[in-house]
């Protein structure tokens, strides 16, 4: 049966296969985008400002924050209380 195929037939078959491959890739791309869009990111509640001030003080005491940086962030957090 395959012996009777002419060059034209082979081109048609290759075209159909290429088209089918493109359709499959397009479907996969659409599915991946839909899955990513529907992924629910966990809602994180904002941390307690008092606990954040404690952590900032610890960072300041360890020398990772300057006094100026600490006071600026602390003032921001105190405003949330």
N, C-alpha and C. Protein backbone atom coordinates (compact mmCIF):
# COMPACT_ATOMS: atom_id res chain seq x y z
N UNK A 1 0.82 -1.19 0.00
CA UNK A 1 0.00 0.00 0.00
C UNK A 1 0.87 1.26 0.00
N UNK A 2 1.92 1.27 0.83
CA UNK A 2 2.79 2.44 0.88
C UNK A 2 3.62 2.60 -0.39
N UNK A 3 3.75 1.53 -1.18
CA UNK A 3 4.52 1.61 -2.42
C UNK A 3 3.84 2.48 -3.46
N UNK A 4 2.52 2.66 -3.33
CA UNK A 4 1.77 3.42 -4.34
C UNK A 4 1.74 4.92 -4.05
N UNK A 5 2.36 5.37 -2.96
CA UNK A 5 2.32 6.79 -2.60
C UNK A 5 3.26 7.57 -3.52
N UNK A 6 2.74 8.67 -4.01
CA UNK A 6 3.57 9.55 -4.82
C UNK A 6 4.11 10.66 -3.92
N UNK A 7 4.97 11.50 -4.45
CA UNK A 7 5.52 12.61 -3.68
C UNK A 7 4.44 13.53 -3.16
N UNK A 8 3.39 13.72 -3.95
CA UNK A 8 2.28 14.59 -3.55
C UNK A 8 1.57 14.02 -2.34
N UNK A 9 1.33 12.71 -2.34
CA UNK A 9 0.67 12.06 -1.21
C UNK A 9 1.49 12.20 0.07
N UNK A 10 2.79 12.04 -0.06
CA UNK A 10 3.67 12.17 1.11
C UNK A 10 3.61 13.58 1.66
N UNK A 11 3.60 14.58 0.78
CA UNK A 11 3.52 15.96 1.24
C UNK A 11 2.21 16.23 1.96
N UNK A 12 1.12 15.68 1.45
CA UNK A 12 -0.18 15.87 2.10
C UNK A 12 -0.17 15.22 3.48
N UNK A 13 0.36 14.01 3.57
CA UNK A 13 0.41 13.31 4.86
C UNK A 13 1.28 14.08 5.85
N UNK A 14 2.44 14.57 5.40
CA UNK A 14 3.31 15.35 6.28
C UNK A 14 2.63 16.65 6.72
N UNK A 15 1.90 17.28 5.82
CA UNK A 15 1.17 18.50 6.17
C UNK A 15 0.11 18.25 7.23
N UNK A 16 -0.62 17.14 7.05
CA UNK A 16 -1.66 16.79 8.03
C UNK A 16 -1.02 16.50 9.38
N UNK A 17 0.08 15.76 9.40
CA UNK A 17 0.76 15.45 10.65
C UNK A 17 1.30 16.70 11.33
N UNK A 18 1.86 17.61 10.55
CA UNK A 18 2.38 18.86 11.11
C UNK A 18 1.24 19.70 11.70
N UNK A 19 0.12 19.75 11.00
CA UNK A 19 -1.03 20.49 11.49
C UNK A 19 -1.55 19.89 12.79
N UNK A 20 -1.62 18.57 12.83
CA UNK A 20 -2.08 17.90 14.06
C UNK A 20 -1.12 18.19 15.22
N UNK A 21 0.18 18.20 14.94
CA UNK A 21 1.15 18.49 15.99
C UNK A 21 0.97 19.91 16.51
N UNK A 22 0.73 20.87 15.62
CA UNK A 22 0.51 22.25 16.03
C UNK A 22 -0.74 22.39 16.88
N UNK A 23 -1.79 21.67 16.52
CA UNK A 23 -3.04 21.71 17.30
C UNK A 23 -2.80 21.14 18.69
N UNK A 24 -2.06 20.05 18.78
CA UNK A 24 -1.78 19.45 20.09
C UNK A 24 -0.96 20.41 20.95
N UNK A 25 0.05 21.05 20.36
CA UNK A 25 0.85 22.01 21.12
C UNK A 25 -0.01 23.18 21.57
N UNK A 26 -0.88 23.67 20.72
CA UNK A 26 -1.75 24.78 21.08
C UNK A 26 -2.67 24.39 22.24
N UNK A 27 -3.21 23.18 22.20
CA UNK A 27 -4.07 22.71 23.29
C UNK A 27 -3.29 22.64 24.59
N UNK A 28 -2.08 22.14 24.54
CA UNK A 28 -1.25 22.03 25.74
C UNK A 28 -0.96 23.42 26.31
N UNK A 29 -0.64 24.37 25.46
CA UNK A 29 -0.36 25.73 25.91
C UNK A 29 -1.59 26.33 26.58
N UNK A 30 -2.76 26.16 25.99
CA UNK A 30 -3.99 26.69 26.57
C UNK A 30 -4.27 26.05 27.92
N UNK A 31 -4.11 24.74 28.02
CA UNK A 31 -4.36 24.05 29.28
C UNK A 31 -3.39 24.55 30.36
N UNK A 32 -2.11 24.70 30.02
CA UNK A 32 -1.13 25.18 31.00
C UNK A 32 -1.50 26.58 31.48
N UNK A 33 -1.90 27.44 30.56
CA UNK A 33 -2.28 28.80 30.96
C UNK A 33 -3.51 28.80 31.86
N UNK A 34 -4.49 27.95 31.54
CA UNK A 34 -5.68 27.88 32.38
C UNK A 34 -5.35 27.36 33.77
N UNK A 35 -4.48 26.36 33.83
CA UNK A 35 -4.10 25.82 35.14
C UNK A 35 -3.37 26.87 35.96
N UNK A 36 -2.43 27.58 35.34
CA UNK A 36 -1.70 28.62 36.06
C UNK A 36 -2.62 29.73 36.52
N UNK A 37 -3.59 30.08 35.70
CA UNK A 37 -4.52 31.15 36.04
C UNK A 37 -5.40 30.76 37.21
N UNK A 38 -5.75 29.48 37.30
CA UNK A 38 -6.67 29.03 38.33
C UNK A 38 -5.98 28.57 39.61
N UNK A 39 -4.66 28.62 39.64
CA UNK A 39 -3.95 28.24 40.85
C UNK A 39 -4.24 29.29 41.91
N UNK A 40 -4.69 28.83 43.02
CA UNK A 40 -5.02 29.74 44.12
C UNK A 40 -3.78 29.94 44.98
N UNK A 41 -3.39 31.17 45.10
CA UNK A 41 -2.27 31.48 45.97
C UNK A 41 -2.81 31.66 47.38
N UNK A 42 -2.17 31.05 48.34
CA UNK A 42 -2.67 31.18 49.70
C UNK A 42 -2.66 32.63 50.15
N UNK A 43 -3.71 33.03 50.78
CA UNK A 43 -3.81 34.39 51.28
C UNK A 43 -3.07 34.43 52.61
N UNK A 44 -2.07 35.25 52.64
CA UNK A 44 -1.31 35.37 53.88
C UNK A 44 -1.80 36.59 54.62
N UNK A 45 -2.15 36.39 55.85
CA UNK A 45 -2.59 37.54 56.63
C UNK A 45 -1.36 38.37 56.97
N UNK A 46 -1.58 39.65 57.09
CA UNK A 46 -0.45 40.51 57.41
C UNK A 46 0.03 40.19 58.82
N UNK A 47 1.32 40.09 58.98
CA UNK A 47 1.86 39.75 60.29
C UNK A 47 1.52 40.81 61.33
N UNK A 48 1.49 40.39 62.55
CA UNK A 48 1.20 41.27 63.67
C UNK A 48 2.28 42.35 63.74
N UNK A 49 1.90 43.63 63.73
CA UNK A 49 2.89 44.71 63.76
C UNK A 49 3.79 44.65 65.00
N UNK A 50 3.23 44.25 66.13
CA UNK A 50 4.03 44.16 67.36
C UNK A 50 5.13 43.11 67.19
N UNK A 51 4.77 41.96 66.60
CA UNK A 51 5.76 40.91 66.37
C UNK A 51 6.80 41.39 65.37
N UNK A 52 6.38 42.13 64.37
CA UNK A 52 7.34 42.67 63.40
C UNK A 52 8.31 43.64 64.04
N UNK A 53 7.82 44.46 64.98
CA UNK A 53 8.70 45.39 65.68
C UNK A 53 9.72 44.61 66.50
N UNK A 54 9.28 43.52 67.13
CA UNK A 54 10.21 42.68 67.89
C UNK A 54 11.30 42.11 66.98
N UNK A 55 10.88 41.64 65.80
CA UNK A 55 11.85 41.08 64.85
C UNK A 55 12.81 42.16 64.36
N UNK A 56 12.28 43.36 64.14
CA UNK A 56 13.15 44.47 63.72
C UNK A 56 14.18 44.79 64.79
N UNK A 57 13.74 44.80 66.04
CA UNK A 57 14.66 45.08 67.15
C UNK A 57 15.76 44.02 67.20
N UNK A 58 15.38 42.79 66.96
CA UNK A 58 16.37 41.71 66.95
C UNK A 58 17.38 41.92 65.82
N UNK A 59 16.88 42.29 64.64
CA UNK A 59 17.78 42.56 63.52
C UNK A 59 18.71 43.74 63.82
N UNK A 60 18.16 44.75 64.48
CA UNK A 60 18.99 45.91 64.86
C UNK A 60 20.05 45.49 65.87
N UNK A 61 19.64 44.69 66.86
CA UNK A 61 20.58 44.23 67.89
C UNK A 61 21.69 43.36 67.30
N UNK A 62 21.36 42.63 66.23
CA UNK A 62 22.36 41.78 65.58
C UNK A 62 23.24 42.57 64.61
N UNK A 63 22.92 43.85 64.43
CA UNK A 63 23.71 44.69 63.56
C UNK A 63 23.33 44.61 62.09
N UNK A 64 22.19 43.99 61.81
CA UNK A 64 21.76 43.86 60.42
C UNK A 64 20.96 45.06 59.94
N UNK A 65 20.46 45.86 60.88
CA UNK A 65 19.74 47.09 60.55
C UNK A 65 20.40 48.24 61.31
N UNK A 66 20.47 49.38 60.65
CA UNK A 66 20.97 50.56 61.36
C UNK A 66 19.85 51.10 62.24
N UNK A 67 20.24 51.97 63.17
CA UNK A 67 19.24 52.58 64.06
C UNK A 67 18.24 53.41 63.25
N UNK A 68 18.72 54.08 62.23
CA UNK A 68 17.85 54.89 61.37
C UNK A 68 16.84 54.02 60.64
N UNK A 69 17.31 52.90 60.08
CA UNK A 69 16.41 51.98 59.37
C UNK A 69 15.38 51.41 60.33
N UNK A 70 15.85 51.06 61.52
CA UNK A 70 14.94 50.49 62.53
C UNK A 70 13.85 51.49 62.90
N UNK A 71 14.24 52.72 63.19
CA UNK A 71 13.27 53.73 63.61
C UNK A 71 12.26 54.05 62.51
N UNK A 72 12.72 54.09 61.27
CA UNK A 72 11.81 54.39 60.16
C UNK A 72 10.76 53.29 60.01
N UNK A 73 11.21 52.04 60.04
CA UNK A 73 10.28 50.93 59.89
C UNK A 73 9.38 50.80 61.12
N UNK A 74 9.96 51.03 62.29
CA UNK A 74 9.18 50.96 63.53
C UNK A 74 8.05 51.99 63.52
N UNK A 75 8.36 53.21 63.05
CA UNK A 75 7.33 54.25 62.99
C UNK A 75 6.21 53.85 62.04
N UNK A 76 6.58 53.22 60.93
CA UNK A 76 5.56 52.73 59.98
C UNK A 76 4.67 51.68 60.63
N UNK A 77 5.29 50.76 61.35
CA UNK A 77 4.52 49.69 61.99
C UNK A 77 3.67 50.19 63.14
N UNK A 78 4.18 51.14 63.88
CA UNK A 78 3.40 51.71 64.99
C UNK A 78 2.15 52.39 64.41
N UNK A 79 2.27 52.97 63.24
CA UNK A 79 1.10 53.59 62.61
C UNK A 79 0.01 52.60 62.25
N UNK A 80 0.35 51.34 62.12
CA UNK A 80 -0.64 50.30 61.79
C UNK A 80 -1.40 49.82 63.03
N UNK A 81 -0.85 50.07 64.19
CA UNK A 81 -1.49 49.54 65.42
C UNK A 81 -2.71 50.36 65.76
